[in-house]
Amino acid sequence: MSYPKPLRRLISLLAKLPGVGEKTATRLALHMLKMTPESVRELGESIAAIPNAVIHCSRCFNIADQDPCAICADPARRDDLLCVVENPTDLVPIEKSGEYRGRYHVLGGAISPIDGMMPENLRVRELMGRLSGGGVGEVILATNLTAEGEATAAYLAGAIKPLNIRVTRIAYGMPVGSDLEYTDEITVGRAIKGRRDV
């Protein structure tokens, strides 16, 4: 049996999402058929609003609905402590850990020559600009514990150390090869507490 063309199109589009295969996409599309028209419309409107409603903070490059983002605008945050992460999703477990009250800088990825990602493709220039402005006493490198994350941390440590700023790396309490966004907040909290000099 073949599904109607509109349903096939929806399944095809859903299957393009990360982690969603054709079977999951089919289940989601069939579930939407059971939803009320108002619920489906609300879901569609929410998806359609994303490009205009969600922006990147001009200071830290986190995703936000205001500029500066809520973290950058929070006066209770420590300005002398800056945590560098690869992607906005990496901030969430750090925030949930409750162990960190400083500022952030989102690189937008990690160094990976095989994928064409070099330092100039990341927000390294913006990071160095923030640091040269003074006021930051410590930079925590919280890149993922992958080969690319380690290469990025090593590169950044080499670039930052001449500025006489303390550079630390999150501790290896996290499993090697894991991504921050999939790690529980307790493990991330221990990694932040157990950071070390690079």
C-alpha atoms as a PDB file:
ATOM      1  CA  MET A   1       0.000   0.000   0.000  1.00  0.00           C
ATOM      2  CA  SER A   2       1.264   3.466  -0.868  1.00  0.00           C
ATOM      3  CA  TYR A   3       0.459   6.452   1.319  1.00  0.00           C
ATOM      4  CA  PRO A   4      -1.197   9.519  -0.225  1.00  0.00           C
ATOM      5  CA  LYS A   5       1.217  12.026  -1.774  1.00  0.00           C
ATOM      6  CA  PRO A   6       0.904  14.697   1.006  1.00  0.00           C
ATOM      7  CA  LEU A   7       1.657  12.062   3.648  1.00  0.00           C
ATOM      8  CA  ARG A   8       4.618  10.702   1.668  1.00  0.00           C
ATOM      9  CA  ARG A   9       6.016  14.245   1.401  1.00  0.00           C
ATOM     10  CA  LEU A  10       5.655  14.762   5.167  1.00  0.00           C
ATOM     11  CA  ILE A  11       7.367  11.411   5.864  1.00  0.00           C
ATOM     12  CA  SER A  12      10.189  12.358   3.513  1.00  0.00           C
ATOM     13  CA  LEU A  13      10.704  15.723   5.229  1.00  0.00           C
ATOM     14  CA  LEU A  14      10.555  14.250   8.740  1.00  0.00           C
ATOM     15  CA  ALA A  15      13.082  11.566   7.776  1.00  0.00           C
ATOM     16  CA  LYS A  16      15.621  14.316   7.028  1.00  0.00           C
ATOM     17  CA  LEU A  17      15.737  15.273  10.716  1.00  0.00           C
ATOM     18  CA  PRO A  18      18.759  13.929  12.651  1.00  0.00           C
ATOM     19  CA  GLY A  19      18.050  10.641  14.381  1.00  0.00           C
ATOM     20  CA  VAL A  20      14.758  10.144  12.531  1.00  0.00           C
ATOM     21  CA  GLY A  21      14.649   7.280  10.062  1.00  0.00           C
ATOM     22  CA  GLU A  22      11.858   6.395   7.667  1.00  0.00           C
ATOM     23  CA  LYS A  23      10.015   4.191  10.192  1.00  0.00           C
ATOM     24  CA  THR A  24      10.039   6.886  12.895  1.00  0.00           C
ATOM     25  CA  ALA A  25       9.061   9.517  10.331  1.00  0.00           C
ATOM     26  CA  THR A  26       6.137   7.334   9.257  1.00  0.00           C
ATOM     27  CA  ARG A  27       4.991   6.861  12.864  1.00  0.00           C
ATOM     28  CA  LEU A  28       5.187  10.630  13.488  1.00  0.00           C
ATOM     29  CA  ALA A  29       3.267  11.444  10.308  1.00  0.00           C
ATOM     30  CA  LEU A  30       0.555   8.877  11.092  1.00  0.00           C
ATOM     31  CA  HIS A  31       0.299  10.266  14.632  1.00  0.00           C
ATOM     32  CA  MET A  32      -0.270  13.731  13.185  1.00  0.00           C
ATOM     33  CA  LEU A  33      -3.283  12.337  11.317  1.00  0.00           C
ATOM     34  CA  LYS A  34      -4.815  11.522  14.712  1.00  0.00           C
ATOM     35  CA  MET A  35      -4.175  15.025  16.085  1.00  0.00           C
ATOM     36  CA  THR A  36      -6.846  17.713  15.955  1.00  0.00           C
ATOM     37  CA  PRO A  37      -6.544  20.158  13.051  1.00  0.00           C
ATOM     38  CA  GLU A  38      -5.838  22.931  15.584  1.00  0.00           C
ATOM     39  CA  SER A  39      -2.934  20.979  17.107  1.00  0.00           C
ATOM     40  CA  VAL A  40      -1.438  20.257  13.690  1.00  0.00           C
ATOM     41  CA  ARG A  41      -1.823  23.928  12.713  1.00  0.00           C
ATOM     42  CA  GLU A  42      -0.177  25.034  15.976  1.00  0.00           C
ATOM     43  CA  LEU A  43       2.732  22.637  15.378  1.00  0.00           C
ATOM     44  CA  GLY A  44       3.143  23.928  11.829  1.00  0.00           C
ATOM     45  CA  GLU A  45       3.038  27.572  12.947  1.00  0.00           C
ATOM     46  CA  SER A  46       5.619  26.874  15.641  1.00  0.00           C
ATOM     47  CA  ILE A  47       7.967  25.263  13.108  1.00  0.00           C
ATOM     48  CA  ALA A  48       7.407  28.073  10.590  1.00  0.00           C
ATOM     49  CA  ALA A  49       8.208  30.723  13.231  1.00  0.00           C
ATOM     50  CA  ILE A  50      11.621  29.255  14.123  1.00  0.00           C
ATOM     51  CA  PRO A  51      13.720  31.099  11.483  1.00  0.00           C
ATOM     52  CA  ASN A  52      12.489  34.521  12.649  1.00  0.00           C
ATOM     53  CA  ALA A  53      11.931  33.829  16.356  1.00  0.00           C
ATOM     54  CA  VAL A  54      15.270  32.196  17.215  1.00  0.00           C
ATOM     55  CA  ILE A  55      18.480  34.169  16.715  1.00  0.00           C
ATOM     56  CA  HIS A  56      22.128  33.945  17.737  1.00  0.00           C
ATOM     57  CA  CYS A  57      23.260  36.159  20.595  1.00  0.00           C
ATOM     58  CA  SER A  58      25.721  38.759  19.268  1.00  0.00           C
ATOM     59  CA  ARG A  59      27.964  38.310  22.344  1.00  0.00           C
ATOM     60  CA  CYS A  60      28.200  34.570  23.005  1.00  0.00           C
ATOM     61  CA  PHE A  61      26.527  33.137  19.855  1.00  0.00           C
ATOM     62  CA  ASN A  62      24.117  30.997  21.855  1.00  0.00           C
ATOM     63  CA  ILE A  63      20.646  30.528  20.363  1.00  0.00           C
ATOM     64  CA  ALA A  64      18.149  32.916  21.907  1.00  0.00           C
ATOM     65  CA  ASP A  65      14.936  34.845  21.423  1.00  0.00           C
ATOM     66  CA  GLN A  66      16.526  38.156  22.452  1.00  0.00           C
ATOM     67  CA  ASP A  67      19.857  39.902  21.943  1.00  0.00           C
ATOM     68  CA  PRO A  68      21.801  39.759  24.159  1.00  0.00           C
ATOM     69  CA  CYS A  69      20.622  36.362  25.376  1.00  0.00           C
ATOM     70  CA  ALA A  70      19.350  35.850  28.925  1.00  0.00           C
ATOM     71  CA  ILE A  71      22.737  34.534  30.104  1.00  0.00           C
ATOM     72  CA  CYS A  72      24.689  37.493  28.685  1.00  0.00           C
ATOM     73  CA  ALA A  73      22.119  39.916  30.103  1.00  0.00           C
ATOM     74  CA  ASP A  74      22.220  38.376  33.604  1.00  0.00           C
ATOM     75  CA  PRO A  75      24.150  40.752  35.917  1.00  0.00           C
ATOM     76  CA  ALA A  76      24.608  37.966  38.499  1.00  0.00           C
ATOM     77  CA  ARG A  77      26.901  36.044  36.137  1.00  0.00           C
ATOM     78  CA  ARG A  78      30.685  36.165  36.597  1.00  0.00           C
ATOM     79  CA  ASP A  79      32.367  38.209  33.870  1.00  0.00           C
ATOM     80  CA  ASP A  80      35.841  36.885  34.737  1.00  0.00           C
ATOM     81  CA  LEU A  81      34.951  33.270  33.852  1.00  0.00           C
ATOM     82  CA  LEU A  82      34.315  32.199  30.245  1.00  0.00           C
ATOM     83  CA  CYS A  83      33.291  28.687  29.195  1.00  0.00           C
ATOM     84  CA  VAL A  84      33.934  27.796  25.544  1.00  0.00           C
ATOM     85  CA  VAL A  85      31.664  25.161  23.974  1.00  0.00           C
ATOM     86  CA  GLU A  86      31.260  23.815  20.466  1.00  0.00           C
ATOM     87  CA  ASN A  87      27.497  24.208  20.013  1.00  0.00           C
ATOM     88  CA  PRO A  88      24.488  25.759  21.775  1.00  0.00           C
ATOM     89  CA  THR A  89      23.270  22.289  22.796  1.00  0.00           C
ATOM     90  CA  ASP A  90      26.436  21.906  24.905  1.00  0.00           C
ATOM     91  CA  LEU A  91      25.372  24.751  27.210  1.00  0.00           C
ATOM     92  CA  VAL A  92      22.259  22.943  28.425  1.00  0.00           C
ATOM     93  CA  PRO A  93      23.929  20.188  30.506  1.00  0.00           C
ATOM     94  CA  ILE A  94      26.423  22.693  31.935  1.00  0.00           C
ATOM     95  CA  GLU A  95      23.580  24.971  33.006  1.00  0.00           C
ATOM     96  CA  LYS A  96      21.587  22.031  34.414  1.00  0.00           C
ATOM     97  CA  SER A  97      24.586  20.978  36.511  1.00  0.00           C
ATOM     98  CA  GLY A  98      24.232  24.184  38.560  1.00  0.00           C
ATOM     99  CA  GLU A  99      28.028  24.283  38.993  1.00  0.00           C
ATOM    100  CA  TYR A 100      28.789  27.122  36.593  1.00  0.00           C
ATOM    101  CA  ARG A 101      27.808  30.800  36.890  1.00  0.00           C
ATOM    102  CA  GLY A 102      30.098  32.449  34.351  1.00  0.00           C
ATOM    103  CA  ARG A 103      29.690  33.494  30.720  1.00  0.00           C
ATOM    104  CA  TYR A 104      29.838  31.409  27.534  1.00  0.00           C
ATOM    105  CA  HIS A 105      31.270  31.490  24.040  1.00  0.00           C
ATOM    106  CA  VAL A 106      29.847  29.159  21.369  1.00  0.00           C
ATOM    107  CA  LEU A 107      32.365  28.293  18.660  1.00  0.00           C
ATOM    108  CA  GLY A 108      29.909  26.839  16.163  1.00  0.00           C
ATOM    109  CA  GLY A 109      31.703  23.511  15.817  1.00  0.00           C
ATOM    110  CA  ALA A 110      35.130  21.950  16.242  1.00  0.00           C
ATOM    111  CA  ILE A 111      38.314  21.827  14.193  1.00  0.00           C
ATOM    112  CA  SER A 112      38.027  18.959  11.726  1.00  0.00           C
ATOM    113  CA  PRO A 113      40.210  19.265   8.619  1.00  0.00           C
ATOM    114  CA  ILE A 114      38.577  16.184   7.099  1.00  0.00           C
ATOM    115  CA  ASP A 115      35.215  18.004   7.212  1.00  0.00           C
ATOM    116  CA  GLY A 116      36.703  21.311   6.089  1.00  0.00           C
ATOM    117  CA  MET A 117      36.298  22.884   9.547  1.00  0.00           C
ATOM    118  CA  MET A 118      39.348  24.992  10.315  1.00  0.00           C
ATOM    119  CA  PRO A 119      39.812  27.662  13.029  1.00  0.00           C
ATOM    120  CA  GLU A 120      38.784  30.378  10.560  1.00  0.00           C
ATOM    121  CA  ASN A 121      35.428  28.581  10.082  1.00  0.00           C
ATOM    122  CA  LEU A 122      34.720  28.817  13.821  1.00  0.00           C
ATOM    123  CA  ARG A 123      34.145  31.848  16.050  1.00  0.00           C
ATOM    124  CA  VAL A 124      37.757  31.884  17.226  1.00  0.00           C
ATOM    125  CA  ARG A 125      38.373  35.462  16.038  1.00  0.00           C
ATOM    126  CA  GLU A 126      35.362  36.642  18.054  1.00  0.00           C
ATOM    127  CA  LEU A 127      36.617  34.714  21.101  1.00  0.00           C
ATOM    128  CA  MET A 128      40.049  36.303  20.881  1.00  0.00           C
ATOM    129  CA  GLY A 129      38.390  39.716  20.535  1.00  0.00           C
ATOM    130  CA  ARG A 130      36.412  39.139  23.728  1.00  0.00           C
ATOM    131  CA  LEU A 131      39.531  38.033  25.585  1.00  0.00           C
ATOM    132  CA  SER A 132      41.696  40.916  24.379  1.00  0.00           C
ATOM    133  CA  GLY A 133      39.129  43.316  25.824  1.00  0.00           C
ATOM    134  CA  GLY A 134      40.282  42.281  29.315  1.00  0.00           C
ATOM    135  CA  GLY A 135      38.343  41.207  32.373  1.00  0.00           C
ATOM    136  CA  VAL A 136      38.447  37.440  31.786  1.00  0.00           C
ATOM    137  CA  GLY A 137      40.669  35.612  34.267  1.00  0.00           C
ATOM    138  CA  GLU A 138      39.907  32.023  33.273  1.00  0.00           C
ATOM    139  CA  VAL A 139      38.745  30.259  30.133  1.00  0.00           C
ATOM    140  CA  ILE A 140      37.246  26.802  30.565  1.00  0.00           C
ATOM    141  CA  LEU A 141      37.560  24.724  27.404  1.00  0.00           C
ATOM    142  CA  ALA A 142      34.440  22.549  27.381  1.00  0.00           C
ATOM    143  CA  THR A 143      34.741  21.158  23.874  1.00  0.00           C
ATOM    144  CA  ASN A 144      33.607  17.586  23.415  1.00  0.00           C
ATOM    145  CA  LEU A 145      35.962  14.785  24.399  1.00  0.00           C
ATOM    146  CA  THR A 146      36.402  13.604  20.822  1.00  0.00           C
ATOM    147  CA  ALA A 147      39.444  13.841  18.559  1.00  0.00           C
ATOM    148  CA  GLU A 148      38.019  17.031  17.042  1.00  0.00           C
ATOM    149  CA  GLY A 149      37.149  18.494  20.444  1.00  0.00           C
ATOM    150  CA  GLU A 150      40.624  17.734  21.776  1.00  0.00           C
ATOM    151  CA  ALA A 151      42.265  19.299  18.705  1.00  0.00           C
ATOM    152  CA  THR A 152      40.103  22.401  19.159  1.00  0.00           C
ATOM    153  CA  ALA A 153      40.971  22.635  22.866  1.00  0.00           C
ATOM    154  CA  ALA A 154      44.702  22.283  22.131  1.00  0.00           C
ATOM    155  CA  TYR A 155      44.522  24.963  19.424  1.00  0.00           C
ATOM    156  CA  LEU A 156      42.609  27.382  21.675  1.00  0.00           C
ATOM    157  CA  ALA A 157      44.917  26.781  24.640  1.00  0.00           C
ATOM    158  CA  GLY A 158      47.899  27.681  22.473  1.00  0.00           C
ATOM    159  CA  ALA A 159      46.184  30.851  21.246  1.00  0.00           C
ATOM    160  CA  ILE A 160      44.946  31.992  24.676  1.00  0.00           C
ATOM    161  CA  LYS A 161      47.961  31.297  26.920  1.00  0.00           C
ATOM    162  CA  PRO A 162      50.042  34.223  25.545  1.00  0.00           C
ATOM    163  CA  LEU A 163      47.287  36.542  26.840  1.00  0.00           C
ATOM    164  CA  ASN A 164      48.202  35.525  30.436  1.00  0.00           C
ATOM    165  CA  ILE A 165      44.726  34.099  31.026  1.00  0.00           C
ATOM    166  CA  ARG A 166      44.302  30.854  32.947  1.00  0.00           C
ATOM    167  CA  VAL A 167      43.166  28.089  30.588  1.00  0.00           C
ATOM    168  CA  THR A 168      41.458  24.989  32.008  1.00  0.00           C
ATOM    169  CA  ARG A 169      39.912  21.928  30.407  1.00  0.00           C
ATOM    170  CA  ILE A 170      36.845  20.102  31.690  1.00  0.00           C
ATOM    171  CA  ALA A 171      37.812  16.995  33.615  1.00  0.00           C
ATOM    172  CA  TYR A 172      37.641  13.539  32.149  1.00  0.00           C
ATOM    173  CA  GLY A 173      34.772  12.500  34.389  1.00  0.00           C
ATOM    174  CA  MET A 174      32.843  12.265  31.162  1.00  0.00           C
ATOM    175  CA  PRO A 175      33.132   9.230  28.927  1.00  0.00           C
ATOM    176  CA  VAL A 176      35.678   9.751  26.154  1.00  0.00           C
ATOM    177  CA  GLY A 177      34.008  10.074  22.769  1.00  0.00           C
ATOM    178  CA  SER A 178      30.806  11.472  24.255  1.00  0.00           C
ATOM    179  CA  ASP A 179      29.008  14.710  23.388  1.00  0.00           C
ATOM    180  CA  LEU A 180      28.027  17.182  26.099  1.00  0.00           C
ATOM    181  CA  GLU A 181      24.429  17.410  24.934  1.00  0.00           C
ATOM    182  CA  TYR A 182      23.854  13.703  25.695  1.00  0.00           C
ATOM    183  CA  THR A 183      25.604  13.643  29.083  1.00  0.00           C
ATOM    184  CA  ASP A 184      23.693  13.814  32.364  1.00  0.00           C
ATOM    185  CA  GLU A 185      24.019  16.949  34.510  1.00  0.00           C
ATOM    186  CA  ILE A 186      25.735  15.195  37.439  1.00  0.00           C
ATOM    187  CA  THR A 187      28.587  13.986  35.232  1.00  0.00           C
ATOM    188  CA  VAL A 188      28.870  17.423  33.615  1.00  0.00           C
ATOM    189  CA  GLY A 189      28.861  19.091  37.047  1.00  0.00           C
ATOM    190  CA  ARG A 190      31.722  16.859  38.216  1.00  0.00           C
ATOM    191  CA  ALA A 191      33.618  17.583  35.008  1.00  0.00           C
ATOM    192  CA  ILE A 192      33.251  21.353  35.565  1.00  0.00           C
ATOM    193  CA  LYS A 193      34.327  21.058  39.240  1.00  0.00           C
ATOM    194  CA  GLY A 194      37.293  18.849  38.344  1.00  0.00           C
ATOM    195  CA  ARG A 195      38.633  20.999  35.519  1.00  0.00           C
ATOM    196  CA  ARG A 196      42.405  21.260  35.213  1.00  0.00           C
ATOM    197  CA  ASP A 197      45.023  23.573  33.787  1.00  0.00           C
ATOM    198  CA  VAL A 198      45.970  22.949  30.162  1.00  0.00           C
END
